[in-house]
Amino acid sequence: MKTLLVLILFLSTCDVYSALPANLQRQLLFSADAPIAVRHAGDGSGRLFIVEQAGTIKIWDGTTLLATNFIDISAKVASGGERGLLGLDFDPNYATNGFFYVYYTKQSPNFGDTIIERYSVSADANIADSTSGQIILRVPQPASNHNGGDIHFGPDGYLYIGLGDGGGAGDTDNNAQNLNVLLGKMLRIDVSPEVVDPDNIFKNSFESSSPITVNTCGLDSVAGSYRIPNDNPFVSNASACAEIWSYGLRNPYRWSFDKQTGNLIIGDVGQNLYEEVDFQPATSAGGENYGWRCREGAHDFDTSDCTGNEVFTEPVIDLPQASNNGCSVMGGYVYRGSAIPAIQGLYIFSDYCGGEINFATPTGATWSFEMLEDVNFGTRGFGEDEAGEIYHIFNNDIYKFILN
């Protein structure tokens, strides 16, 4: 094992922790077809839901990968490269309302666009109602890459959506710094069916004295699809999409909330030199600018359209790709399980190309981290179960972190 220290300038603020337990290992559970996400429903069932890129979701019941799909929407999904069924999360009240949400690349019309859609479970808890889909919003995508793809409900009950900058190289349209488009942003919307006013989809509150959102950018929404939380940072700005929570992101492919603290941790894929992990405390009021394309990691990239007056939120991990042959950071989770006390509170992340599985201490302005092992090319993400135990998605295999 080796310890890597990031951004030496701030090392004095970081905790130094002992080596990871020697018997910390990955246990192979099962294989799937191009899995990219592992989620739980929060319903006490202990099941894991496995998102397959081509458009299917399967269930692991703890011992078996069920033969029947939970849902198959592959006919709607354009899959391949960075496209596909990319994200899944379950309504905080899933146990009672049966709603879940998916993020996928649209087949046709509007080929390649991003879709957020809501579905319902059927009378059979292991099978969704594939006819129940309701589009929440559509976001045009100008290229095939940088699709983002992760969605999570935050501790506030709102749905957060991570969108890449629209693809190409170098964010040629400067989307990530443009507050009038949704690309290169973290969105925050209210999709609670119980509170959305079907006659006033964009109304911020049901109180007549509350402000009305003046600029929303999600397409294909119908009355009742979503509303804008009245404390979103750009809700009253006519020159900004009200859905935006934070911006300046290149491709936030995998990110998560710390289930104990509510902190938001974003793995943002870099261009050619740096991979970064960004941090937003649970106390934030939103509006952070993470820098892209003015910055790649903590370094200047393309400042041609930058005023010099921007206030950037610097990454807590700024990792040169050359240090580990990296190409695409895979954000993970803060461990909040009980089976491995020695890693309690540590943040796990990796890189698709670099392959180093790292555990970071999430304190201070920059985070130190330690490598567990180098698994080489193929990490596609991580997952978390209802108990806080962590899973590793590696090529077509799903592993669980255990003590042997």
Protein backbone atom coordinates (compact mmCIF):
# COMPACT_ATOMS: atom_id res chain seq x y z
CA MET A 1 0.00 0.00 0.00
CA LYS A 2 1.11 3.55 -0.50
CA THR A 3 -0.11 6.90 0.72
CA LEU A 4 -0.74 9.67 -1.77
CA LEU A 5 -0.95 13.25 -0.57
CA VAL A 6 -2.77 15.81 -2.63
CA LEU A 7 -2.14 19.56 -2.77
CA ILE A 8 0.76 19.78 -0.36
CA LEU A 9 -0.05 23.41 0.42
CA PHE A 10 -2.85 22.32 2.75
CA LEU A 11 -1.46 19.11 4.17
CA SER A 12 -1.23 20.60 7.64
CA THR A 13 -5.04 20.74 7.79
CA CYS A 14 -5.52 17.08 6.87
CA ASP A 15 -5.80 14.20 9.27
CA VAL A 16 -3.25 11.42 8.94
CA TYR A 17 -4.77 7.98 9.39
CA SER A 18 -3.27 4.53 9.81
CA ALA A 19 -3.01 1.96 7.06
CA LEU A 20 -6.16 0.26 5.84
CA PRO A 21 -6.84 -3.13 7.44
CA ALA A 22 -4.77 -5.88 5.82
CA ASN A 23 -7.83 -8.12 5.51
CA LEU A 24 -9.97 -5.54 3.68
CA GLN A 25 -10.90 -7.21 0.40
CA ARG A 26 -13.38 -7.25 -2.46
CA GLN A 27 -15.73 -10.23 -2.61
CA LEU A 28 -17.13 -11.13 -6.04
CA LEU A 29 -20.92 -11.46 -5.83
CA PHE A 30 -22.20 -11.79 -9.39
CA SER A 31 -21.85 -10.54 -12.96
CA ALA A 32 -24.22 -8.48 -15.09
CA ASP A 33 -24.35 -6.98 -18.59
CA ALA A 34 -22.44 -3.68 -18.60
CA PRO A 35 -23.56 -2.63 -15.11
CA ILE A 36 -23.01 1.02 -14.25
CA ALA A 37 -24.91 1.62 -11.00
CA VAL A 38 -25.89 -0.28 -7.85
CA ARG A 39 -28.74 1.20 -5.80
CA HIS A 40 -31.12 0.29 -3.00
CA ALA A 41 -34.79 1.22 -2.69
CA GLY A 42 -34.73 2.30 0.95
CA ASP A 43 -37.70 0.04 1.62
CA GLY A 44 -36.12 -2.31 4.13
CA SER A 45 -36.00 -5.21 1.65
CA GLY A 46 -32.21 -5.39 1.47
CA ARG A 47 -32.38 -5.74 -2.31
CA LEU A 48 -29.86 -4.21 -4.71
CA PHE A 49 -30.96 -2.79 -8.05
CA ILE A 50 -28.40 -3.18 -10.83
CA VAL A 51 -28.54 -0.66 -13.68
CA GLU A 52 -27.36 -2.07 -17.03
CA GLN A 53 -26.29 0.46 -19.62
CA ALA A 54 -28.41 -0.92 -22.48
CA GLY A 55 -31.64 -0.12 -20.61
CA THR A 56 -32.46 -2.83 -18.09
CA ILE A 57 -32.50 -2.92 -14.29
CA LYS A 58 -32.05 -6.20 -12.43
CA ILE A 59 -32.50 -7.16 -8.77
CA TRP A 60 -30.03 -8.93 -6.49
CA ASP A 61 -32.04 -10.34 -3.59
CA GLY A 62 -29.01 -11.03 -1.43
CA THR A 63 -28.27 -14.47 -2.81
CA THR A 64 -29.46 -14.48 -6.42
CA LEU A 65 -29.62 -12.16 -9.41
CA LEU A 66 -33.28 -12.54 -10.36
CA ALA A 67 -33.90 -13.82 -13.88
CA THR A 68 -36.77 -11.39 -14.56
CA ASN A 69 -35.84 -7.75 -15.10
CA PHE A 70 -37.20 -5.19 -12.68
CA ILE A 71 -37.73 -3.08 -15.81
CA ASP A 72 -36.61 -3.05 -19.43
CA ILE A 73 -36.74 0.31 -21.24
CA SER A 74 -34.06 -0.55 -23.80
CA ALA A 75 -36.41 0.39 -26.67
CA LYS A 76 -36.27 4.00 -25.43
CA VAL A 77 -32.53 4.07 -24.76
CA ALA A 78 -29.66 4.97 -27.06
CA SER A 79 -26.74 3.01 -25.63
CA GLY A 80 -23.04 2.85 -26.39
CA GLY A 81 -19.95 4.78 -25.39
CA GLU A 82 -21.05 7.30 -22.76
CA ARG A 83 -24.74 6.97 -23.61
CA GLY A 84 -27.33 4.64 -22.18
CA LEU A 85 -29.38 4.10 -19.05
CA LEU A 86 -27.05 6.01 -16.77
CA GLY A 87 -28.80 6.71 -13.48
CA LEU A 88 -31.44 5.51 -11.03
CA ASP A 89 -32.81 6.58 -7.68
CA PHE A 90 -35.86 5.79 -5.61
CA ASP A 91 -38.33 8.27 -4.19
CA PRO A 92 -37.69 8.87 -0.47
CA ASN A 93 -41.24 7.55 0.07
CA TYR A 94 -40.82 4.59 -2.30
CA ALA A 95 -42.06 2.13 0.33
CA THR A 96 -45.47 3.80 0.18
CA ASN A 97 -45.72 5.48 -3.25
CA GLY A 98 -43.65 3.07 -5.40
CA PHE A 99 -42.03 5.80 -7.51
CA PHE A 100 -38.51 5.63 -8.91
CA TYR A 101 -36.61 7.83 -11.38
CA VAL A 102 -34.22 7.03 -14.21
CA TYR A 103 -31.74 9.06 -16.27
CA TYR A 104 -31.16 7.85 -19.82
CA THR A 105 -30.10 8.86 -23.32
CA LYS A 106 -33.08 9.14 -25.64
CA GLN A 107 -33.40 6.92 -28.69
CA SER A 108 -35.82 8.90 -30.89
CA PRO A 109 -37.05 11.47 -31.60
CA ASN A 110 -34.51 13.97 -30.20
CA PHE A 111 -31.86 11.26 -30.45
CA GLY A 112 -29.10 11.57 -27.86
CA ASP A 113 -30.90 13.93 -25.50
CA THR A 114 -31.02 13.34 -21.76
CA ILE A 115 -34.32 12.21 -20.23
CA ILE A 116 -35.37 12.13 -16.59
CA GLU A 117 -38.41 9.88 -16.24
CA ARG A 118 -40.51 8.57 -13.39
CA TYR A 119 -41.87 5.02 -13.16
CA SER A 120 -43.93 3.05 -10.65
CA VAL A 121 -43.57 -0.44 -9.25
CA SER A 122 -46.30 -2.93 -10.11
CA ALA A 123 -48.26 -5.13 -7.72
CA ASP A 124 -45.24 -7.42 -7.80
CA ALA A 125 -42.49 -5.79 -5.74
CA ASN A 126 -39.83 -7.26 -8.05
CA ILE A 127 -41.34 -5.95 -11.29
CA ALA A 128 -41.94 -2.33 -12.30
CA ASP A 129 -44.84 -1.11 -14.40
CA SER A 130 -43.08 -0.40 -17.71
CA THR A 131 -46.13 1.51 -19.00
CA SER A 132 -46.10 4.02 -16.15
CA GLY A 133 -43.32 6.27 -17.45
CA GLN A 134 -43.80 10.03 -17.13
CA ILE A 135 -41.12 12.34 -18.49
CA ILE A 136 -39.99 14.87 -15.91
CA LEU A 137 -37.70 16.82 -18.23
CA ARG A 138 -35.54 16.58 -21.35
CA VAL A 139 -32.15 18.24 -21.86
CA PRO A 140 -30.70 18.58 -25.40
CA GLN A 141 -27.25 17.02 -25.82
CA PRO A 142 -25.05 18.39 -28.63
CA ALA A 143 -22.56 15.47 -28.59
CA SER A 144 -22.34 11.81 -27.63
CA ASN A 145 -20.03 12.24 -24.66
CA HIS A 146 -20.01 14.02 -21.27
CA ASN A 147 -23.55 12.93 -20.49
CA GLY A 148 -23.13 12.91 -16.72
CA GLY A 149 -25.79 10.47 -15.63
CA ASP A 150 -26.03 10.22 -11.86
CA ILE A 151 -29.18 11.21 -9.96
CA HIS A 152 -29.77 11.16 -6.21
CA PHE A 153 -32.38 12.39 -3.82
CA GLY A 154 -30.74 14.70 -1.33
CA PRO A 155 -31.38 14.77 2.40
CA ASP A 156 -33.82 17.63 1.70
CA GLY A 157 -36.02 15.32 -0.40
CA TYR A 158 -35.24 17.08 -3.68
CA LEU A 159 -33.93 15.33 -6.79
CA TYR A 160 -30.37 16.29 -7.80
CA ILE A 161 -29.25 15.70 -11.40
CA GLY A 162 -25.64 15.78 -12.60
CA LEU A 163 -25.19 16.96 -16.21
CA GLY A 164 -22.00 17.10 -18.25
CA ASP A 165 -20.96 20.06 -20.39
CA GLY A 166 -22.44 18.70 -23.62
CA GLY A 167 -19.38 16.89 -24.92
CA GLY A 168 -16.72 17.50 -27.49
CA ALA A 169 -13.42 18.67 -26.08
CA GLY A 170 -12.67 21.76 -24.02
CA ASP A 171 -16.35 22.75 -23.71
CA THR A 172 -16.26 24.66 -26.99
CA ASP A 173 -19.58 26.40 -26.27
CA ASN A 174 -18.56 27.28 -22.69
CA ASN A 175 -21.76 25.64 -21.43
CA ALA A 176 -20.50 24.94 -17.93
CA GLN A 177 -20.07 28.66 -17.17
CA ASN A 178 -23.30 29.68 -18.94
CA LEU A 179 -26.13 29.89 -16.41
CA ASN A 180 -28.73 29.99 -19.17
CA VAL A 181 -28.21 26.33 -20.11
CA LEU A 182 -28.46 23.19 -17.98
CA LEU A 183 -25.29 21.53 -19.28
CA GLY A 184 -22.27 21.39 -17.00
CA LYS A 185 -24.45 21.80 -13.92
CA MET A 186 -25.88 20.13 -10.87
CA LEU A 187 -29.68 20.58 -10.91
CA ARG A 188 -32.06 20.52 -7.94
CA ILE A 189 -35.79 20.08 -8.49
CA ASP A 190 -38.86 19.05 -6.50
CA VAL A 191 -40.62 16.04 -7.99
CA SER A 192 -42.80 15.19 -5.00
CA PRO A 193 -46.19 14.23 -6.45
CA GLU A 194 -47.85 15.23 -3.19
CA VAL A 195 -46.78 18.88 -3.38
CA VAL A 196 -46.55 19.78 -7.06
CA ASP A 197 -49.34 22.10 -8.14
CA PRO A 198 -50.50 20.76 -11.54
CA ASP A 199 -51.81 24.19 -12.53
CA ASN A 200 -48.61 26.03 -11.64
CA ILE A 201 -45.70 23.76 -12.47
CA PHE A 202 -43.08 26.46 -11.99
CA LYS A 203 -44.56 28.14 -8.94
CA ASN A 204 -42.09 28.17 -6.06
CA SER A 205 -44.61 27.98 -3.27
CA PHE A 206 -48.31 27.72 -2.79
CA GLU A 207 -48.22 30.95 -0.80
CA SER A 208 -49.38 33.83 -2.97
CA SER A 209 -46.60 36.04 -1.63
CA SER A 210 -43.83 33.70 -2.80
CA PRO A 211 -41.75 34.54 -5.87
CA ILE A 212 -42.47 32.93 -9.22
CA THR A 213 -39.65 31.28 -11.13
CA VAL A 214 -38.85 33.39 -14.16
CA ASN A 215 -36.63 31.10 -16.20
CA THR A 216 -36.85 27.32 -16.37
CA CYS A 217 -34.97 25.32 -18.97
CA GLY A 218 -36.17 21.71 -18.75
CA LEU A 219 -38.00 20.64 -21.93
CA ASP A 220 -40.96 18.30 -22.51
CA SER A 221 -42.34 18.79 -19.01
CA VAL A 222 -46.05 18.71 -18.44
CA ALA A 223 -48.01 20.35 -15.64
CA GLY A 224 -47.14 18.60 -12.42
CA SER A 225 -43.79 17.19 -13.54
CA TYR A 226 -41.68 19.24 -11.17
CA ARG A 227 -41.38 22.54 -9.41
CA ILE A 228 -38.41 24.70 -8.44
CA PRO A 229 -37.50 24.87 -4.74
CA ASN A 230 -37.83 28.48 -3.66
CA ASP A 231 -34.33 28.47 -2.16
CA ASN A 232 -32.54 27.45 -5.36
CA PRO A 233 -29.73 30.00 -5.84
CA PHE A 234 -30.84 31.39 -9.24
CA VAL A 235 -34.58 31.15 -8.81
CA SER A 236 -35.27 34.85 -9.45
CA ASN A 237 -32.55 35.47 -12.02
CA ALA A 238 -34.00 35.93 -15.50
CA SER A 239 -30.58 35.16 -17.00
CA ALA A 240 -30.16 31.82 -15.26
CA CYS A 241 -31.97 28.50 -15.37
CA ALA A 242 -33.81 28.18 -12.06
CA GLU A 243 -33.12 24.42 -11.90
CA ILE A 244 -29.38 25.05 -11.37
CA TRP A 245 -27.93 24.26 -7.97
CA SER A 246 -24.21 24.56 -8.83
CA TYR A 247 -22.15 24.89 -12.01
CA GLY A 248 -18.72 24.79 -13.62
CA LEU A 249 -18.70 20.99 -14.00
CA ARG A 250 -17.19 19.09 -16.92
CA ASN A 251 -18.66 15.62 -16.51
CA PRO A 252 -19.97 14.71 -13.04
CA TYR A 253 -20.40 11.07 -13.99
CA ARG A 254 -20.51 9.61 -10.46
CA TRP A 255 -21.23 11.46 -7.22
CA SER A 256 -23.07 10.92 -3.97
CA PHE A 257 -24.38 12.28 -0.69
CA ASP A 258 -22.82 11.23 2.59
CA LYS A 259 -25.81 9.47 4.16
CA GLN A 260 -24.77 10.58 7.66
CA THR A 261 -23.80 14.23 7.14
CA GLY A 262 -25.68 15.13 3.95
CA ASN A 263 -22.49 16.47 2.36
CA LEU A 264 -22.35 16.29 -1.45
CA ILE A 265 -19.19 14.82 -3.03
CA ILE A 266 -18.73 15.00 -6.81
CA GLY A 267 -16.31 13.05 -8.98
CA ASP A 268 -15.84 15.39 -11.97
CA VAL A 269 -14.03 13.85 -14.95
CA GLY A 270 -11.12 15.95 -16.23
CA GLN A 271 -9.87 16.84 -19.69
CA ASN A 272 -6.29 15.70 -20.33
CA LEU A 273 -4.29 16.58 -17.21
CA TYR A 274 -6.28 16.48 -13.96
CA GLU A 275 -9.08 14.52 -12.32
CA GLU A 276 -10.96 16.16 -9.48
CA VAL A 277 -13.29 15.51 -6.58
CA ASP A 278 -15.46 18.43 -5.47
CA PHE A 279 -17.15 18.96 -2.13
CA GLN A 280 -20.25 20.84 -1.05
CA PRO A 281 -21.18 20.86 2.67
CA ALA A 282 -24.74 20.08 3.65
CA THR A 283 -25.04 23.64 4.97
CA SER A 284 -24.44 25.14 1.52
CA ALA A 285 -27.05 27.42 -0.03
CA GLY A 286 -25.89 26.35 -3.50
CA GLY A 287 -24.45 28.43 -6.31
CA GLU A 288 -20.89 27.04 -6.20
CA ASN A 289 -18.79 27.46 -9.35
CA TYR A 290 -16.39 24.51 -9.65
CA GLY A 291 -14.42 26.23 -12.38
CA TRP A 292 -14.68 24.36 -15.69
CA ARG A 293 -13.73 25.47 -18.38
CA CYS A 294 -11.80 28.30 -16.82
CA ARG A 295 -10.16 25.66 -14.66
CA GLU A 296 -9.31 21.98 -14.89
CA GLY A 297 -8.97 20.82 -11.33
CA ALA A 298 -7.22 23.65 -9.48
CA HIS A 299 -5.38 24.81 -12.63
CA ASP A 300 -6.15 27.33 -15.37
CA PHE A 301 -7.48 25.72 -18.55
CA ASP A 302 -9.21 28.11 -20.96
CA THR A 303 -9.61 31.60 -19.51
CA SER A 304 -10.56 33.32 -22.77
CA ASP A 305 -14.12 33.96 -21.58
CA CYS A 306 -13.34 34.29 -17.88
CA THR A 307 -13.51 37.73 -16.30
CA GLY A 308 -10.97 37.10 -13.58
CA ASN A 309 -13.57 38.03 -10.98
CA GLU A 310 -15.04 34.54 -10.67
CA VAL A 311 -15.02 32.87 -7.29
CA PHE A 312 -14.20 29.21 -7.76
CA THR A 313 -14.76 26.39 -5.31
CA GLU A 314 -11.51 24.47 -5.48
CA PRO A 315 -11.47 20.65 -5.55
CA VAL A 316 -10.66 18.72 -2.41
CA ILE A 317 -8.81 16.18 -4.54
CA ASP A 318 -6.81 17.43 -7.53
CA LEU A 319 -5.13 14.41 -9.06
CA PRO A 320 -2.73 14.61 -12.04
CA GLN A 321 -3.65 11.95 -14.58
CA ALA A 322 0.04 11.24 -15.08
CA SER A 323 0.36 10.09 -11.47
CA ASN A 324 -1.72 6.95 -12.01
CA ASN A 325 -2.43 6.75 -15.78
CA GLY A 326 -5.88 8.10 -14.99
CA CYS A 327 -8.48 9.26 -17.49
CA SER A 328 -11.86 9.36 -15.74
CA VAL A 329 -12.43 9.68 -12.01
CA MET A 330 -15.08 7.35 -10.60
CA GLY A 331 -16.66 9.05 -7.61
CA GLY A 332 -17.86 6.79 -4.84
CA TYR A 333 -19.32 6.97 -1.34
CA VAL A 334 -18.41 7.77 2.22
CA TYR A 335 -18.49 4.47 4.08
CA ARG A 336 -21.26 4.44 6.69
CA GLY A 337 -21.66 0.71 7.20
CA SER A 338 -20.93 -1.28 10.33
CA ALA A 339 -19.11 -4.34 9.00
CA ILE A 340 -15.74 -2.58 8.53
CA PRO A 341 -15.24 -0.12 11.43
CA ALA A 342 -11.70 0.80 10.37
CA ILE A 343 -12.93 2.61 7.24
CA GLN A 344 -15.88 4.36 8.90
CA GLY A 345 -16.17 7.87 7.46
CA LEU A 346 -13.66 7.36 4.64
CA TYR A 347 -14.51 8.25 1.04
CA ILE A 348 -13.88 5.61 -1.61
CA PHE A 349 -13.13 6.53 -5.23
CA SER A 350 -11.18 5.25 -8.22
CA ASP A 351 -10.44 5.92 -11.90
CA TYR A 352 -11.73 4.05 -14.95
CA CYS A 353 -8.28 3.83 -16.52
CA GLY A 354 -5.97 4.19 -13.53
CA GLY A 355 -7.62 1.48 -11.47
CA GLU A 356 -6.40 2.54 -8.04
CA ILE A 357 -9.06 2.00 -5.36
CA ASN A 358 -8.50 4.82 -2.89
CA PHE A 359 -9.86 5.66 0.54
CA ALA A 360 -9.75 9.37 1.39
CA THR A 361 -10.08 11.17 4.71
CA PRO A 362 -12.77 13.82 4.03
CA THR A 363 -11.47 16.65 6.20
CA GLY A 364 -9.74 19.95 5.51
CA ALA A 365 -9.38 21.98 2.35
CA THR A 366 -7.71 19.03 0.63
CA TRP A 367 -8.00 15.34 1.35
CA SER A 368 -5.25 12.78 1.82
CA PHE A 369 -5.94 9.28 0.57
CA GLU A 370 -4.53 5.78 0.64
CA MET A 371 -4.61 3.10 -2.03
CA LEU A 372 -6.10 -0.27 -1.18
CA GLU A 373 -5.14 -1.95 -4.46
CA ASP A 374 -4.71 -1.29 -8.17
CA VAL A 375 -7.25 -3.30 -10.15
CA ASN A 376 -6.22 -1.75 -13.48
CA PHE A 377 -8.62 -0.70 -16.24
CA GLY A 378 -12.37 -1.11 -15.80
CA THR A 379 -13.88 0.50 -12.70
CA ARG A 380 -17.34 1.69 -13.74
CA GLY A 381 -18.53 3.01 -10.39
CA PHE A 382 -19.49 2.13 -6.83
CA GLY A 383 -22.70 1.36 -5.01
CA GLU A 384 -24.13 1.59 -1.53
CA ASP A 385 -26.74 -0.58 0.15
CA GLU A 386 -29.30 0.44 2.72
CA ALA A 387 -26.95 -0.49 5.57
CA GLY A 388 -24.14 1.68 4.19
CA GLU A 389 -21.98 -1.18 2.91
CA ILE A 390 -20.08 -0.43 -0.31
CA TYR A 391 -19.91 -2.22 -3.67
CA HIS A 392 -17.44 -1.98 -6.55
CA ILE A 393 -18.55 -2.16 -10.19
CA PHE A 394 -15.63 -3.52 -12.20
CA ASN A 395 -16.18 -4.29 -15.88
CA ASN A 396 -19.15 -6.73 -15.72
CA ASP A 397 -18.65 -7.81 -12.12
CA ILE A 398 -20.10 -6.59 -8.83
CA TYR A 399 -17.91 -6.85 -5.73
CA LYS A 400 -18.62 -6.11 -2.09
CA PHE A 401 -16.01 -4.74 0.31
CA ILE A 402 -15.58 -7.13 3.22
CA LEU A 403 -13.13 -8.15 5.93
CA ASN A 404 -11.76 -11.59 5.17
